[in-house]
Amino acid sequence: MISEYEIKKEICEIGRRIYNRGMVAANDGNISVKLNENEFLCTPTGVSKGFMTPDYICKVDKDGKVIQANGSFKPSSEIKMHMRVYKERPDVVSVVHAHPMYATGFAIAGIPLTQPIMPEAVITLGCVPIAEYGTPSTEEIPDAVSKYLPYYDAVLLENHGALTYADSLLSAYHKMESVEFYAQLLFIAKQIGGPQELSEAQVQRLYEIRRQFGMTGKHPADLCQNLKDGKKSCHSCGGHADKSADTGELVSEITKRVIEQLGLK
């Protein structure tokens, strides 16, 4: 079993990654990991996520109260948002919040990432809605995010950034990368004539591939909130996935299957 110290080191490494990739500036962003039902590690407030060491990392309980913190370090001011995710998504082990340039640009423009433009994004994310604006460090953001938690593993925060969560720290970070890559590709496509979207039939085939692989997390392939509300679905919705698998280990195989299914070889 991985030690608490090793998890702290991993948090620091992910912090460096999001900082070096320009997903945060200065002291922005926050990361947390669930240790057990009442203990969580999280990044401190007021420090650059690119220059942390394990002794920076704080430990809090399920209410966000400090269990352990070194020196003047205090838990992230956004810890309420993280705790809401853990409370409403028992399957989640890690939460990552950042301000990736393109994804945040869409969040500021009020444009959700719902266009099916590439197979990997459709399979991994499905779509990424926008949670209504809330004042940072208050219950407003957790309340805004709450209604999307049962259906998605990534959410844009209006005029704020992006939030991703998964069953491991690395998977939560990879989802953040995927959101930003999706947003960047969509932005580029819009500049050169507009994206050519996948058809409904193609999206359905991709959703079926996701179900066949039993990928973990929540996804529109399981249930689309828009459809549930009687609105037009983000893409299209199918059955319910009930298997489990490590999505990180499936990426290369999924890509291969997607290419074969779409006849792109």
Protein backbone atom coordinates (compact mmCIF):
# COMPACT_ATOMS: atom_id res chain seq x y z
CA MET A 1 0.00 0.00 0.00
CA ILE A 2 1.34 3.41 -0.96
CA SER A 3 2.39 5.54 2.01
CA GLU A 4 0.94 8.93 2.89
CA TYR A 5 4.33 10.51 2.20
CA GLU A 6 4.40 9.02 -1.31
CA ILE A 7 0.94 10.43 -1.98
CA LYS A 8 2.16 13.85 -0.88
CA LYS A 9 5.06 13.53 -3.32
CA GLU A 10 2.64 12.62 -6.10
CA ILE A 11 0.49 15.66 -5.31
CA CYS A 12 3.59 17.84 -5.61
CA GLU A 13 4.46 16.23 -8.96
CA ILE A 14 0.96 16.85 -10.33
CA GLY A 15 1.21 20.42 -9.03
CA ARG A 16 4.41 20.88 -11.03
CA ARG A 17 2.74 19.45 -14.12
CA ILE A 18 -0.24 21.78 -14.05
CA TYR A 19 2.07 24.74 -13.36
CA ASN A 20 4.57 23.86 -16.10
CA ARG A 21 1.77 23.32 -18.61
CA GLY A 22 0.40 26.79 -17.92
CA MET A 23 -2.81 25.48 -16.39
CA VAL A 24 -2.35 27.77 -13.40
CA ALA A 25 -0.58 31.06 -12.72
CA ALA A 26 1.08 32.22 -9.51
CA ASN A 27 -0.73 30.56 -6.59
CA ASP A 28 -3.82 29.38 -8.49
CA GLY A 29 -5.30 25.89 -8.45
CA ASN A 30 -5.70 23.16 -5.86
CA ILE A 31 -5.41 19.38 -5.58
CA SER A 32 -6.73 16.88 -3.06
CA VAL A 33 -6.63 13.12 -2.43
CA LYS A 34 -8.91 10.99 -0.28
CA LEU A 35 -7.03 8.77 2.20
CA ASN A 36 -10.09 7.30 3.90
CA GLU A 37 -13.63 8.34 4.82
CA ASN A 38 -12.43 11.06 7.20
CA GLU A 39 -8.92 12.01 6.07
CA PHE A 40 -7.94 13.97 2.99
CA LEU A 41 -4.69 15.49 1.80
CA CYS A 42 -4.84 18.86 0.03
CA THR A 43 -2.61 21.59 -1.29
CA PRO A 44 -2.24 24.73 0.83
CA THR A 45 -3.59 28.14 -0.04
CA GLY A 46 -1.30 30.96 -1.11
CA VAL A 47 1.53 28.90 -2.61
CA SER A 48 2.56 28.13 -6.18
CA LYS A 49 1.60 24.59 -7.13
CA GLY A 50 4.80 24.38 -9.17
CA PHE A 51 7.16 24.66 -6.22
CA MET A 52 5.66 22.52 -3.47
CA THR A 53 7.42 19.89 -1.39
CA PRO A 54 5.67 17.17 0.67
CA ASP A 55 5.84 19.21 3.87
CA TYR A 56 3.54 21.80 2.24
CA ILE A 57 0.62 19.37 2.02
CA CYS A 58 -2.16 19.68 4.60
CA LYS A 59 -4.48 17.04 6.01
CA VAL A 60 -8.15 17.79 6.69
CA ASP A 61 -11.22 15.87 7.82
CA LYS A 62 -14.46 15.39 5.87
CA ASP A 63 -15.67 18.82 7.01
CA GLY A 64 -12.51 20.51 5.75
CA LYS A 65 -11.15 21.12 9.23
CA VAL A 66 -7.39 20.90 9.71
CA ILE A 67 -6.00 17.67 11.11
CA GLN A 68 -2.38 18.46 10.32
CA ALA A 69 -0.55 21.38 8.69
CA ASN A 70 3.05 22.49 8.96
CA GLY A 71 4.07 26.02 9.93
CA SER A 72 1.82 28.70 8.51
CA PHE A 73 0.32 26.49 5.79
CA LYS A 74 -3.46 26.42 5.60
CA PRO A 75 -5.71 24.21 3.43
CA SER A 76 -6.86 25.52 0.06
CA SER A 77 -9.57 28.13 0.27
CA GLU A 78 -11.54 25.97 -2.19
CA ILE A 79 -11.60 22.93 0.10
CA LYS A 80 -15.42 23.20 0.36
CA MET A 81 -15.68 22.44 -3.35
CA HIS A 82 -13.47 19.37 -3.01
CA MET A 83 -15.39 18.08 0.00
CA ARG A 84 -18.68 18.39 -1.87
CA VAL A 85 -17.31 16.21 -4.65
CA TYR A 86 -16.17 13.53 -2.19
CA LYS A 87 -19.49 13.64 -0.34
CA GLU A 88 -21.64 13.21 -3.44
CA ARG A 89 -19.30 10.95 -5.42
CA PRO A 90 -18.09 8.11 -3.14
CA ASP A 91 -16.17 6.62 -6.07
CA VAL A 92 -13.90 9.69 -6.33
CA VAL A 93 -10.42 9.49 -4.83
CA SER A 94 -8.91 12.73 -6.13
CA VAL A 95 -10.00 16.21 -7.24
CA VAL A 96 -8.04 18.68 -9.37
CA HIS A 97 -8.97 22.32 -9.92
CA ALA A 98 -7.03 24.48 -12.37
CA HIS A 99 -7.37 27.36 -14.82
CA PRO A 100 -6.27 25.87 -18.16
CA MET A 101 -6.15 28.65 -20.75
CA TYR A 102 -8.50 27.38 -23.46
CA ALA A 103 -10.97 25.58 -21.21
CA THR A 104 -11.20 28.63 -18.95
CA GLY A 105 -11.68 30.79 -22.04
CA PHE A 106 -14.77 28.73 -22.91
CA ALA A 107 -15.95 29.00 -19.30
CA ILE A 108 -15.58 32.79 -19.44
CA ALA A 109 -17.41 32.94 -22.76
CA GLY A 110 -20.20 30.79 -21.35
CA ILE A 111 -19.70 28.03 -23.92
CA PRO A 112 -19.81 24.42 -22.64
CA LEU A 113 -17.70 21.77 -24.35
CA THR A 114 -20.51 19.74 -25.90
CA GLN A 115 -19.56 19.34 -29.55
CA PRO A 116 -18.47 15.79 -30.51
CA ILE A 117 -15.32 16.53 -32.50
CA MET A 118 -12.90 13.72 -31.72
CA PRO A 119 -13.36 10.09 -30.62
CA GLU A 120 -11.12 10.23 -27.55
CA ALA A 121 -12.96 13.23 -26.09
CA VAL A 122 -16.35 11.63 -26.71
CA ILE A 123 -15.27 8.40 -24.99
CA THR A 124 -13.35 9.95 -22.10
CA LEU A 125 -15.46 13.01 -21.30
CA GLY A 126 -18.64 12.87 -23.35
CA CYS A 127 -19.15 16.56 -22.80
CA VAL A 128 -18.21 19.17 -20.22
CA PRO A 129 -21.00 21.43 -18.87
CA ILE A 130 -20.59 24.80 -17.20
CA ALA A 131 -21.52 25.21 -13.55
CA GLU A 132 -23.01 28.60 -12.76
CA TYR A 133 -20.76 31.27 -11.29
CA GLY A 134 -20.10 31.22 -7.56
CA THR A 135 -17.91 33.29 -5.27
CA PRO A 136 -14.64 31.44 -4.55
CA SER A 137 -14.22 29.93 -1.06
CA THR A 138 -17.99 30.06 -0.37
CA GLU A 139 -20.67 27.38 -0.64
CA GLU A 140 -21.85 28.96 -3.89
CA ILE A 141 -19.41 26.99 -6.05
CA PRO A 142 -20.08 23.63 -4.36
CA ASP A 143 -23.80 24.25 -4.74
CA ALA A 144 -23.39 25.11 -8.43
CA VAL A 145 -21.21 22.07 -9.11
CA SER A 146 -23.40 19.68 -7.13
CA LYS A 147 -26.09 19.09 -9.76
CA TYR A 148 -23.49 17.99 -12.34
CA LEU A 149 -21.59 15.57 -10.11
CA PRO A 150 -23.86 12.53 -10.68
CA TYR A 151 -23.47 12.77 -14.46
CA TYR A 152 -20.00 14.09 -15.37
CA ASP A 153 -16.35 13.72 -14.36
CA ALA A 154 -15.38 17.22 -15.52
CA VAL A 155 -17.07 20.58 -15.14
CA LEU A 156 -16.20 24.08 -16.30
CA LEU A 157 -16.68 26.77 -13.65
CA GLU A 158 -18.25 29.91 -15.09
CA ASN A 159 -15.69 32.76 -15.20
CA HIS A 160 -13.34 30.66 -13.10
CA GLY A 161 -11.71 27.51 -14.47
CA ALA A 162 -12.20 23.76 -14.59
CA LEU A 163 -12.75 20.93 -12.12
CA THR A 164 -11.97 17.26 -12.72
CA TYR A 165 -12.22 14.24 -10.43
CA ALA A 166 -11.60 10.50 -10.70
CA ASP A 167 -10.71 7.27 -8.92
CA SER A 168 -7.00 8.17 -8.76
CA LEU A 169 -4.91 11.32 -8.68
CA LEU A 170 -3.30 10.58 -12.03
CA SER A 171 -6.68 9.94 -13.66
CA ALA A 172 -8.08 13.21 -12.27
CA TYR A 173 -5.07 15.05 -13.70
CA HIS A 174 -5.38 13.28 -17.06
CA LYS A 175 -9.00 14.38 -17.25
CA MET A 176 -7.84 17.97 -16.78
CA GLU A 177 -5.38 17.51 -19.65
CA SER A 178 -8.15 16.03 -21.78
CA VAL A 179 -10.50 18.93 -21.05
CA GLU A 180 -7.85 21.45 -22.07
CA PHE A 181 -6.88 19.53 -25.21
CA TYR A 182 -10.55 19.26 -26.21
CA ALA A 183 -11.05 22.99 -25.66
CA GLN A 184 -7.91 23.90 -27.61
CA LEU A 185 -8.89 21.74 -30.58
CA LEU A 186 -12.42 23.14 -30.58
CA PHE A 187 -11.06 26.70 -30.46
CA ILE A 188 -8.71 26.03 -33.40
CA ALA A 189 -11.47 24.37 -35.43
CA LYS A 190 -13.72 27.37 -34.91
CA GLN A 191 -11.02 29.66 -36.34
CA ILE A 192 -10.65 27.71 -39.60
CA GLY A 193 -14.22 27.24 -40.70
CA GLY A 194 -15.93 25.46 -37.82
CA PRO A 195 -15.68 21.89 -36.56
CA GLN A 196 -17.04 18.94 -38.50
CA GLU A 197 -18.92 17.10 -35.79
CA LEU A 198 -19.26 13.35 -35.51
CA SER A 199 -22.71 12.10 -36.43
CA GLU A 200 -25.18 10.80 -33.87
CA ALA A 201 -24.56 7.25 -35.11
CA GLN A 202 -20.80 7.66 -34.72
CA VAL A 203 -21.24 9.03 -31.21
CA GLN A 204 -23.48 6.11 -30.30
CA ARG A 205 -20.81 3.67 -31.48
CA LEU A 206 -18.21 5.44 -29.35
CA TYR A 207 -20.52 5.33 -26.32
CA GLU A 208 -20.96 1.61 -26.87
CA ILE A 209 -17.17 1.17 -26.95
CA ARG A 210 -16.99 2.98 -23.62
CA ARG A 211 -19.62 0.67 -22.15
CA GLN A 212 -17.85 -2.40 -23.52
CA PHE A 213 -14.64 -1.36 -21.78
CA GLY A 214 -16.50 -0.78 -18.52
CA MET A 215 -14.78 2.54 -17.90
CA THR A 216 -15.24 3.99 -14.44
CA GLY A 217 -16.73 7.36 -13.55
CA LYS A 218 -19.83 9.17 -14.76
CA HIS A 219 -20.49 9.95 -18.39
CA PRO A 220 -23.35 10.94 -20.74
CA ALA A 221 -23.19 7.40 -22.13
CA ASP A 222 -24.75 6.40 -18.80
CA LEU A 223 -27.21 9.26 -18.41
CA CYS A 224 -27.34 12.77 -19.82
CA GLN A 225 -28.69 15.43 -17.47
CA ASN A 226 -30.09 17.45 -20.38
CA LEU A 227 -32.08 14.47 -21.63
CA LYS A 228 -33.33 13.77 -18.12
CA ASP A 229 -34.57 17.37 -17.96
CA GLY A 230 -36.46 16.96 -21.22
CA LYS A 231 -33.99 19.01 -23.25
CA LYS A 232 -31.89 18.07 -26.26
CA SER A 233 -29.07 15.78 -25.16
CA CYS A 234 -25.45 16.94 -25.30
CA HIS A 235 -24.70 14.21 -27.84
CA SER A 236 -26.94 11.20 -27.44
CA CYS A 237 -27.48 8.86 -24.56
CA GLY A 238 -27.43 5.12 -24.19
CA GLY A 239 -27.47 2.40 -21.55
CA HIS A 240 -25.72 2.08 -18.23
CA ALA A 241 -22.13 0.96 -17.64
CA ASP A 242 -21.74 -1.41 -14.74
CA LYS A 243 -18.20 -2.74 -15.06
CA SER A 244 -14.99 -1.25 -13.72
CA ALA A 245 -11.55 -0.68 -15.24
CA ASP A 246 -8.50 1.54 -14.94
CA THR A 247 -9.00 4.10 -17.71
CA GLY A 248 -5.31 4.96 -17.77
CA GLU A 249 -4.38 1.44 -18.89
CA LEU A 250 -7.04 1.45 -21.60
CA VAL A 251 -6.07 4.57 -23.53
CA SER A 252 -3.94 2.93 -26.21
CA GLU A 253 -6.36 0.05 -26.72
CA ILE A 254 -9.34 2.41 -26.88
CA THR A 255 -7.64 4.55 -29.52
CA LYS A 256 -6.97 1.45 -31.60
CA ARG A 257 -10.57 0.27 -31.28
CA VAL A 258 -11.95 3.73 -32.11
CA ILE A 259 -9.93 3.86 -35.33
CA GLU A 260 -11.12 0.38 -36.30
CA GLN A 261 -14.77 1.07 -35.44
CA LEU A 262 -14.84 4.28 -37.46
CA GLY A 263 -13.03 2.73 -40.41
CA LEU A 264 -10.29 5.34 -40.28
CA LYS A 265 -7.47 2.86 -40.86
